[in-house]
């Protein structure tokens, strides 16, 4: 989890400094969003493993009213 979070932080820090919005959008599409998806996968795994009383945010089950 920590490695994926650090990778996302690094990817976000490397966003091109460009006035061309298409260049920036492609970078987000190709680099930032995949890093976010990897991190989300870790969060989804943790959500299943951590007891509800210790999880600080609503779980997907709660958001979808599946309790």
C-alpha atoms as a PDB file:
ATOM      1  CA  UNK A   1       0.000   0.000   0.000  1.00  0.00           C
ATOM      2  CA  UNK A   2       2.708   2.473   1.003  1.00  0.00           C
ATOM      3  CA  UNK A   3       4.710   1.771  -2.157  1.00  0.00           C
ATOM      4  CA  UNK A   4       1.660   2.409  -4.330  1.00  0.00           C
ATOM      5  CA  UNK A   5       0.897   5.620  -2.456  1.00  0.00           C
ATOM      6  CA  UNK A   6       4.470   6.813  -2.932  1.00  0.00           C
ATOM      7  CA  UNK A   7       4.312   5.891  -6.622  1.00  0.00           C
ATOM      8  CA  UNK A   8       1.124   7.953  -7.006  1.00  0.00           C
ATOM      9  CA  UNK A   9       2.723  10.902  -5.213  1.00  0.00           C
ATOM     10  CA  UNK A  10       5.755  10.688  -7.485  1.00  0.00           C
ATOM     11  CA  UNK A  11       3.599  10.405 -10.591  1.00  0.00           C
ATOM     12  CA  UNK A  12       1.593  13.459  -9.560  1.00  0.00           C
ATOM     13  CA  UNK A  13       4.810  15.387  -8.891  1.00  0.00           C
ATOM     14  CA  UNK A  14       5.925  14.705 -12.473  1.00  0.00           C
ATOM     15  CA  UNK A  15       2.878  16.208 -14.197  1.00  0.00           C
ATOM     16  CA  UNK A  16       4.238  18.087 -17.208  1.00  0.00           C
ATOM     17  CA  UNK A  17       4.406  21.854 -16.796  1.00  0.00           C
ATOM     18  CA  UNK A  18       2.726  22.639 -20.072  1.00  0.00           C
ATOM     19  CA  UNK A  19       0.234  25.147 -21.361  1.00  0.00           C
ATOM     20  CA  UNK A  20      -0.999  22.424 -23.697  1.00  0.00           C
ATOM     21  CA  UNK A  21      -3.954  20.926 -21.847  1.00  0.00           C
ATOM     22  CA  UNK A  22      -3.959  17.920 -24.138  1.00  0.00           C
ATOM     23  CA  UNK A  23      -0.424  16.999 -23.025  1.00  0.00           C
ATOM     24  CA  UNK A  24      -1.484  17.268 -19.382  1.00  0.00           C
ATOM     25  CA  UNK A  25      -4.677  15.290 -19.958  1.00  0.00           C
ATOM     26  CA  UNK A  26      -2.776  12.490 -21.715  1.00  0.00           C
ATOM     27  CA  UNK A  27      -0.280  12.332 -18.855  1.00  0.00           C
ATOM     28  CA  UNK A  28      -3.107  11.951 -16.361  1.00  0.00           C
ATOM     29  CA  UNK A  29      -4.767   9.309 -18.554  1.00  0.00           C
ATOM     30  CA  UNK A  30      -1.573   7.328 -19.093  1.00  0.00           C
ATOM     31  CA  UNK A  31       0.189   7.764 -15.738  1.00  0.00           C
ATOM     32  CA  UNK A  32      -1.814   9.273 -12.893  1.00  0.00           C
ATOM     33  CA  UNK A  33      -5.075   7.363 -13.348  1.00  0.00           C
ATOM     34  CA  UNK A  34      -3.349   3.946 -13.555  1.00  0.00           C
ATOM     35  CA  UNK A  35      -1.439   4.790 -10.350  1.00  0.00           C
ATOM     36  CA  UNK A  36      -4.713   5.760  -8.692  1.00  0.00           C
ATOM     37  CA  UNK A  37      -6.287   2.471  -9.786  1.00  0.00           C
ATOM     38  CA  UNK A  38      -3.398   0.483  -8.322  1.00  0.00           C
ATOM     39  CA  UNK A  39      -3.719   2.325  -5.021  1.00  0.00           C
ATOM     40  CA  UNK A  40      -7.468   1.820  -5.019  1.00  0.00           C
ATOM     41  CA  UNK A  41      -6.961  -1.933  -5.420  1.00  0.00           C
ATOM     42  CA  UNK A  42      -4.892  -1.914  -2.227  1.00  0.00           C
ATOM     43  CA  UNK A  43      -7.569   0.070  -0.424  1.00  0.00           C
ATOM     44  CA  UNK A  44     -10.249  -2.359  -1.571  1.00  0.00           C
ATOM     45  CA  UNK A  45      -8.207  -5.277  -0.205  1.00  0.00           C
ATOM     46  CA  UNK A  46      -7.639  -3.531   3.118  1.00  0.00           C
ATOM     47  CA  UNK A  47     -11.305  -2.643   3.433  1.00  0.00           C
ATOM     48  CA  UNK A  48     -12.183  -6.336   3.473  1.00  0.00           C
ATOM     49  CA  UNK A  49      -9.489  -7.212   6.013  1.00  0.00           C
ATOM     50  CA  UNK A  50      -9.920  -4.402   8.552  1.00  0.00           C
ATOM     51  CA  UNK A  51     -12.711  -4.598  11.102  1.00  0.00           C
ATOM     52  CA  UNK A  52     -15.490  -2.076  10.490  1.00  0.00           C
ATOM     53  CA  UNK A  53     -14.956  -0.503  13.927  1.00  0.00           C
ATOM     54  CA  UNK A  54     -11.350   0.316  12.980  1.00  0.00           C
ATOM     55  CA  UNK A  55     -11.998   1.476   9.408  1.00  0.00           C
ATOM     56  CA  UNK A  56     -12.202   5.302   9.494  1.00  0.00           C
ATOM     57  CA  UNK A  57     -14.322   5.744   6.360  1.00  0.00           C
ATOM     58  CA  UNK A  58     -17.582   4.285   5.074  1.00  0.00           C
ATOM     59  CA  UNK A  59     -17.077   0.969   3.331  1.00  0.00           C
ATOM     60  CA  UNK A  60     -18.545   0.345  -0.101  1.00  0.00           C
ATOM     61  CA  UNK A  61     -21.141  -1.923   1.482  1.00  0.00           C
ATOM     62  CA  UNK A  62     -22.322   1.054   3.547  1.00  0.00           C
ATOM     63  CA  UNK A  63     -22.377   3.412   0.585  1.00  0.00           C
ATOM     64  CA  UNK A  64     -24.410   0.940  -1.468  1.00  0.00           C
ATOM     65  CA  UNK A  65     -26.708   0.135   1.477  1.00  0.00           C
ATOM     66  CA  UNK A  66     -25.871  -3.585   1.335  1.00  0.00           C
ATOM     67  CA  UNK A  67     -25.801  -4.151   5.100  1.00  0.00           C
END
